[in-house]
Amino acid sequence: MPSDSSIDHGQIAAMFVVLCTAIGFWLFMQTDNVGMLTTWFWAGIGLAGIYLLTTIANTLDELDAGY
């Protein structure tokens, strides 16, 4: 059943990117390797994309079930 609460999925996806970029920045400061920063940035983009695709799939399943 669908919930009545409104979740801001864009904010959650942005937090994935920000958190992963922060981890990458911290590792960049520790290792002096820019590759760490870009790798973690793209990991955040990937996690945000997976989260949004999962949300879309769950919404389509709810619509198909007739909620």
PDB file of N, CA and C in Angstrom:
ATOM      1  N   MET A   1       0.837  -1.181   0.000  1.00  0.00           N
ATOM      2  CA  MET A   1       0.000   0.000   0.000  1.00  0.00           C
ATOM      3  C   MET A   1       0.883   1.246   0.000  1.00  0.00           C
ATOM      4  N   PRO A   2       0.431   2.265  -0.703  1.00  0.00           N
ATOM      5  CA  PRO A   2       1.225   3.485  -0.719  1.00  0.00           C
ATOM      6  C   PRO A   2       1.121   4.220   0.613  1.00  0.00           C
ATOM      7  N   SER A   3       2.181   4.873   0.965  1.00  0.00           N
ATOM      8  CA  SER A   3       2.158   5.649   2.203  1.00  0.00           C
ATOM      9  C   SER A   3       1.677   7.060   1.906  1.00  0.00           C
ATOM     10  N   ASP A   4       1.162   7.716   2.923  1.00  0.00           N
ATOM     11  CA  ASP A   4       0.673   9.078   2.761  1.00  0.00           C
ATOM     12  C   ASP A   4       1.780  10.106   2.929  1.00  0.00           C
ATOM     13  N   SER A   5       2.940   9.682   3.385  1.00  0.00           N
ATOM     14  CA  SER A   5       4.037  10.622   3.590  1.00  0.00           C
ATOM     15  C   SER A   5       4.693  10.966   2.255  1.00  0.00           C
ATOM     16  N   SER A   6       5.076  12.213   2.133  1.00  0.00           N
ATOM     17  CA  SER A   6       5.727  12.686   0.916  1.00  0.00           C
ATOM     18  C   SER A   6       7.236  12.677   1.133  1.00  0.00           C
ATOM     19  N   ILE A   7       7.935  11.862   0.376  1.00  0.00           N
ATOM     20  CA  ILE A   7       9.385  11.760   0.484  1.00  0.00           C
ATOM     21  C   ILE A   7      10.003  12.532  -0.670  1.00  0.00           C
ATOM     22  N   ASP A   8      10.972  13.369  -0.362  1.00  0.00           N
ATOM     23  CA  ASP A   8      11.673  14.119  -1.404  1.00  0.00           C
ATOM     24  C   ASP A   8      12.820  13.254  -1.924  1.00  0.00           C
ATOM     25  N   HIS A   9      12.546  12.513  -2.990  1.00  0.00           N
ATOM     26  CA  HIS A   9      13.536  11.580  -3.522  1.00  0.00           C
ATOM     27  C   HIS A   9      14.747  12.296  -4.106  1.00  0.00           C
ATOM     28  N   GLY A  10      14.553  13.487  -4.634  1.00  0.00           N
ATOM     29  CA  GLY A  10      15.679  14.248  -5.165  1.00  0.00           C
ATOM     30  C   GLY A  10      16.676  14.634  -4.087  1.00  0.00           C
ATOM     31  N   GLN A  11      16.155  14.971  -2.914  1.00  0.00           N
ATOM     32  CA  GLN A  11      17.040  15.330  -1.807  1.00  0.00           C
ATOM     33  C   GLN A  11      17.847  14.119  -1.344  1.00  0.00           C
ATOM     34  N   ILE A  12      17.221  12.964  -1.288  1.00  0.00           N
ATOM     35  CA  ILE A  12      17.924  11.743  -0.885  1.00  0.00           C
ATOM     36  C   ILE A  12      19.002  11.395  -1.909  1.00  0.00           C
ATOM     37  N   ALA A  13      18.664  11.503  -3.192  1.00  0.00           N
ATOM     38  CA  ALA A  13      19.647  11.213  -4.242  1.00  0.00           C
ATOM     39  C   ALA A  13      20.817  12.192  -4.178  1.00  0.00           C
ATOM     40  N   ALA A  14      20.523  13.458  -3.919  1.00  0.00           N
ATOM     41  CA  ALA A  14      21.598  14.450  -3.798  1.00  0.00           C
ATOM     42  C   ALA A  14      22.492  14.145  -2.602  1.00  0.00           C
ATOM     43  N   MET A  15      21.914  13.643  -1.535  1.00  0.00           N
ATOM     44  CA  MET A  15      22.709  13.302  -0.358  1.00  0.00           C
ATOM     45  C   MET A  15      23.667  12.151  -0.654  1.00  0.00           C
ATOM     46  N   PHE A  16      23.248  11.187  -1.499  1.00  0.00           N
ATOM     47  CA  PHE A  16      24.163  10.122  -1.920  1.00  0.00           C
ATOM     48  C   PHE A  16      25.394  10.725  -2.593  1.00  0.00           C
ATOM     49  N   VAL A  17      25.157  11.659  -3.513  1.00  0.00           N
ATOM     50  CA  VAL A  17      26.257  12.274  -4.254  1.00  0.00           C
ATOM     51  C   VAL A  17      27.148  13.089  -3.316  1.00  0.00           C
ATOM     52  N   VAL A  18      26.532  13.878  -2.444  1.00  0.00           N
ATOM     53  CA  VAL A  18      27.304  14.725  -1.524  1.00  0.00           C
ATOM     54  C   VAL A  18      28.122  13.879  -0.558  1.00  0.00           C
ATOM     55  N   LEU A  19      27.513  12.841  -0.004  1.00  0.00           N
ATOM     56  CA  LEU A  19      28.223  11.989   0.954  1.00  0.00           C
ATOM     57  C   LEU A  19      29.408  11.280   0.292  1.00  0.00           C
ATOM     58  N   CYS A  20      29.181  10.710  -0.875  1.00  0.00           N
ATOM     59  CA  CYS A  20      30.273  10.018  -1.570  1.00  0.00           C
ATOM     60  C   CYS A  20      31.370  10.994  -1.995  1.00  0.00           C
ATOM     61  N   THR A  21      30.987  12.203  -2.413  1.00  0.00           N
ATOM     62  CA  THR A  21      31.987  13.199  -2.776  1.00  0.00           C
ATOM     63  C   THR A  21      32.793  13.631  -1.555  1.00  0.00           C
ATOM     64  N   ALA A  22      32.132  13.739  -0.404  1.00  0.00           N
ATOM     65  CA  ALA A  22      32.846  14.092   0.829  1.00  0.00           C
ATOM     66  C   ALA A  22      33.852  13.007   1.204  1.00  0.00           C
ATOM     67  N   ILE A  23      33.459  11.746   1.050  1.00  0.00           N
ATOM     68  CA  ILE A  23      34.395  10.645   1.311  1.00  0.00           C
ATOM     69  C   ILE A  23      35.574  10.731   0.342  1.00  0.00           C
ATOM     70  N   GLY A  24      35.278  10.989  -0.931  1.00  0.00           N
ATOM     71  CA  GLY A  24      36.332  11.131  -1.929  1.00  0.00           C
ATOM     72  C   GLY A  24      37.253  12.301  -1.638  1.00  0.00           C
ATOM     73  N   PHE A  25      36.688  13.415  -1.165  1.00  0.00           N
ATOM     74  CA  PHE A  25      37.517  14.571  -0.828  1.00  0.00           C
ATOM     75  C   PHE A  25      38.432  14.257   0.348  1.00  0.00           C
ATOM     76  N   TRP A  26      37.883  13.559   1.346  1.00  0.00           N
ATOM     77  CA  TRP A  26      38.699  13.178   2.499  1.00  0.00           C
ATOM     78  C   TRP A  26      39.845  12.256   2.070  1.00  0.00           C
ATOM     79  N   LEU A  27      39.541  11.281   1.212  1.00  0.00           N
ATOM     80  CA  LEU A  27      40.593  10.390   0.724  1.00  0.00           C
ATOM     81  C   LEU A  27      41.604  11.138  -0.142  1.00  0.00           C
ATOM     82  N   PHE A  28      41.125  12.108  -0.922  1.00  0.00           N
ATOM     83  CA  PHE A  28      42.029  12.938  -1.722  1.00  0.00           C
ATOM     84  C   PHE A  28      43.001  13.692  -0.820  1.00  0.00           C
ATOM     85  N   MET A  29      42.495  14.224   0.286  1.00  0.00           N
ATOM     86  CA  MET A  29      43.364  14.955   1.214  1.00  0.00           C
ATOM     87  C   MET A  29      44.379  14.020   1.874  1.00  0.00           C
ATOM     88  N   GLN A  30      43.992  12.766   2.102  1.00  0.00           N
ATOM     89  CA  GLN A  30      44.892  11.816   2.740  1.00  0.00           C
ATOM     90  C   GLN A  30      45.965  11.295   1.779  1.00  0.00           C
ATOM     91  N   THR A  31      45.589  11.065   0.529  1.00  0.00           N
ATOM     92  CA  THR A  31      46.494  10.406  -0.412  1.00  0.00           C
ATOM     93  C   THR A  31      47.085  11.339  -1.467  1.00  0.00           C
ATOM     94  N   ASP A  32      46.529  12.558  -1.605  1.00  0.00           N
ATOM     95  CA  ASP A  32      46.950  13.506  -2.639  1.00  0.00           C
ATOM     96  C   ASP A  32      46.794  12.893  -4.034  1.00  0.00           C
ATOM     97  N   ASN A  33      45.669  12.198  -4.227  1.00  0.00           N
ATOM     98  CA  ASN A  33      45.370  11.537  -5.492  1.00  0.00           C
ATOM     99  C   ASN A  33      43.972  11.974  -5.931  1.00  0.00           C
ATOM    100  N   VAL A  34      43.885  12.755  -7.014  1.00  0.00           N
ATOM    101  CA  VAL A  34      42.601  13.273  -7.484  1.00  0.00           C
ATOM    102  C   VAL A  34      41.688  12.145  -7.953  1.00  0.00           C
ATOM    103  N   GLY A  35      42.259  11.020  -8.330  1.00  0.00           N
ATOM    104  CA  GLY A  35      41.456   9.885  -8.774  1.00  0.00           C
ATOM    105  C   GLY A  35      40.482   9.401  -7.719  1.00  0.00           C
ATOM    106  N   MET A  36      40.857   9.508  -6.455  1.00  0.00           N
ATOM    107  CA  MET A  36      39.953   9.119  -5.371  1.00  0.00           C
ATOM    108  C   MET A  36      38.704   9.992  -5.371  1.00  0.00           C
ATOM    109  N   LEU A  37      38.895  11.290  -5.572  1.00  0.00           N
ATOM    110  CA  LEU A  37      37.773  12.224  -5.571  1.00  0.00           C
ATOM    111  C   LEU A  37      36.811  11.927  -6.712  1.00  0.00           C
ATOM    112  N   THR A  38      37.344  11.750  -7.917  1.00  0.00           N
ATOM    113  CA  THR A  38      36.473  11.491  -9.064  1.00  0.00           C
ATOM    114  C   THR A  38      35.813  10.122  -8.972  1.00  0.00           C
ATOM    115  N   THR A  39      36.529   9.138  -8.460  1.00  0.00           N
ATOM    116  CA  THR A  39      35.941   7.803  -8.312  1.00  0.00           C
ATOM    117  C   THR A  39      34.757   7.827  -7.359  1.00  0.00           C
ATOM    118  N   TRP A  40      34.918   8.470  -6.222  1.00  0.00           N
ATOM    119  CA  TRP A  40      33.824   8.521  -5.248  1.00  0.00           C
ATOM    120  C   TRP A  40      32.680   9.402  -5.721  1.00  0.00           C
ATOM    121  N   PHE A  41      32.982  10.450  -6.505  1.00  0.00           N
ATOM    122  CA  PHE A  41      31.913  11.263  -7.088  1.00  0.00           C
ATOM    123  C   PHE A  41      31.044  10.412  -8.004  1.00  0.00           C
ATOM    124  N   TRP A  42      31.685   9.633  -8.888  1.00  0.00           N
ATOM    125  CA  TRP A  42      30.929   8.790  -9.804  1.00  0.00           C
ATOM    126  C   TRP A  42      30.219   7.654  -9.074  1.00  0.00           C
ATOM    127  N   ALA A  43      30.800   7.177  -7.980  1.00  0.00           N
ATOM    128  CA  ALA A  43      30.106   6.174  -7.163  1.00  0.00           C
ATOM    129  C   ALA A  43      28.830   6.768  -6.586  1.00  0.00           C
ATOM    130  N   GLY A  44      28.881   8.019  -6.160  1.00  0.00           N
ATOM    131  CA  GLY A  44      27.682   8.695  -5.655  1.00  0.00           C
ATOM    132  C   GLY A  44      26.629   8.862  -6.731  1.00  0.00           C
ATOM    133  N   ILE A  45      27.061   9.220  -7.938  1.00  0.00           N
ATOM    134  CA  ILE A  45      26.125   9.336  -9.063  1.00  0.00           C
ATOM    135  C   ILE A  45      25.463   7.981  -9.324  1.00  0.00           C
ATOM    136  N   GLY A  46      26.259   6.915  -9.299  1.00  0.00           N
ATOM    137  CA  GLY A  46      25.720   5.577  -9.537  1.00  0.00           C
ATOM    138  C   GLY A  46      24.730   5.154  -8.470  1.00  0.00           C
ATOM    139  N   LEU A  47      25.061   5.392  -7.209  1.00  0.00           N
ATOM    140  CA  LEU A  47      24.143   5.036  -6.123  1.00  0.00           C
ATOM    141  C   LEU A  47      22.847   5.841  -6.201  1.00  0.00           C
ATOM    142  N   ALA A  48      22.953   7.120  -6.534  1.00  0.00           N
ATOM    143  CA  ALA A  48      21.758   7.950  -6.681  1.00  0.00           C
ATOM    144  C   ALA A  48      20.890   7.442  -7.829  1.00  0.00           C
ATOM    145  N   GLY A  49      21.522   7.060  -8.936  1.00  0.00           N
ATOM    146  CA  GLY A  49      20.769   6.513 -10.067  1.00  0.00           C
ATOM    147  C   GLY A  49      20.067   5.219  -9.724  1.00  0.00           C
ATOM    148  N   ILE A  50      20.754   4.339  -9.023  1.00  0.00           N
ATOM    149  CA  ILE A  50      20.134   3.075  -8.611  1.00  0.00           C
ATOM    150  C   ILE A  50      18.967   3.338  -7.673  1.00  0.00           C
ATOM    151  N   TYR A  51      19.142   4.274  -6.735  1.00  0.00           N
ATOM    152  CA  TYR A  51      18.059   4.613  -5.808  1.00  0.00           C
ATOM    153  C   TYR A  51      16.837   5.129  -6.566  1.00  0.00           C
ATOM    154  N   LEU A  52      17.054   6.051  -7.509  1.00  0.00           N
ATOM    155  CA  LEU A  52      15.931   6.618  -8.251  1.00  0.00           C
ATOM    156  C   LEU A  52      15.258   5.586  -9.149  1.00  0.00           C
ATOM    157  N   LEU A  53      16.041   4.713  -9.786  1.00  0.00           N
ATOM    158  CA  LEU A  53      15.443   3.664 -10.617  1.00  0.00           C
ATOM    159  C   LEU A  53      14.633   2.684  -9.777  1.00  0.00           C
ATOM    160  N   THR A  54      15.109   2.360  -8.582  1.00  0.00           N
ATOM    161  CA  THR A  54      14.364   1.480  -7.686  1.00  0.00           C
ATOM    162  C   THR A  54      13.064   2.139  -7.251  1.00  0.00           C
ATOM    163  N   THR A  55      13.107   3.427  -6.971  1.00  0.00           N
ATOM    164  CA  THR A  55      11.900   4.160  -6.588  1.00  0.00           C
ATOM    165  C   THR A  55      10.884   4.159  -7.725  1.00  0.00           C
ATOM    166  N   ILE A  56      11.348   4.380  -8.937  1.00  0.00           N
ATOM    167  CA  ILE A  56      10.455   4.358 -10.097  1.00  0.00           C
ATOM    168  C   ILE A  56       9.849   2.972 -10.279  1.00  0.00           C
ATOM    169  N   ALA A  57      10.662   1.927 -10.151  1.00  0.00           N
ATOM    170  CA  ALA A  57      10.158   0.560 -10.314  1.00  0.00           C
ATOM    171  C   ALA A  57       9.120   0.229  -9.247  1.00  0.00           C
ATOM    172  N   ASN A  58       9.365   0.627  -8.013  1.00  0.00           N
ATOM    173  CA  ASN A  58       8.396   0.362  -6.947  1.00  0.00           C
ATOM    174  C   ASN A  58       7.095   1.118  -7.175  1.00  0.00           C
ATOM    175  N   THR A  59       7.186   2.350  -7.669  1.00  0.00           N
ATOM    176  CA  THR A  59       5.987   3.131  -7.959  1.00  0.00           C
ATOM    177  C   THR A  59       5.188   2.492  -9.086  1.00  0.00           C
ATOM    178  N   LEU A  60       5.869   2.017 -10.118  1.00  0.00           N
ATOM    179  CA  LEU A  60       5.168   1.352 -11.217  1.00  0.00           C
ATOM    180  C   LEU A  60       4.503   0.060 -10.754  1.00  0.00           C
ATOM    181  N   ASP A  61       5.145  -0.681  -9.855  1.00  0.00           N
ATOM    182  CA  ASP A  61       4.529  -1.888  -9.301  1.00  0.00           C
ATOM    183  C   ASP A  61       3.274  -1.548  -8.510  1.00  0.00           C
ATOM    184  N   GLU A  62       3.313  -0.460  -7.745  1.00  0.00           N
ATOM    185  CA  GLU A  62       2.138  -0.039  -6.987  1.00  0.00           C
ATOM    186  C   GLU A  62       1.007   0.372  -7.920  1.00  0.00           C
ATOM    187  N   LEU A  63       1.340   1.088  -8.996  1.00  0.00           N
ATOM    188  CA  LEU A  63       0.317   1.486  -9.960  1.00  0.00           C
ATOM    189  C   LEU A  63      -0.285   0.274 -10.655  1.00  0.00           C
ATOM    190  N   ASP A  64       0.551  -0.701 -10.975  1.00  0.00           N
ATOM    191  CA  ASP A  64       0.079  -1.917 -11.628  1.00  0.00           C
ATOM    192  C   ASP A  64      -0.822  -2.727 -10.702  1.00  0.00           C
ATOM    193  N   ALA A  65      -0.537  -2.685  -9.412  1.00  0.00           N
ATOM    194  CA  ALA A  65      -1.348  -3.428  -8.446  1.00  0.00           C
ATOM    195  C   ALA A  65      -2.667  -2.718  -8.152  1.00  0.00           C
ATOM    196  N   GLY A  66      -2.816  -1.497  -8.607  1.00  0.00           N
ATOM    197  CA  GLY A  66      -4.078  -0.796  -8.460  1.00  0.00           C
ATOM    198  C   GLY A  66      -4.201   0.062  -7.220  1.00  0.00           C
ATOM    199  N   TYR A  67      -3.102   0.457  -6.649  1.00  0.00           N
ATOM    200  CA  TYR A  67      -3.185   1.320  -5.461  1.00  0.00           C
ATOM    201  C   TYR A  67      -3.511   2.694  -5.887  1.00  0.00           C
TER     202      TYR A  67
END
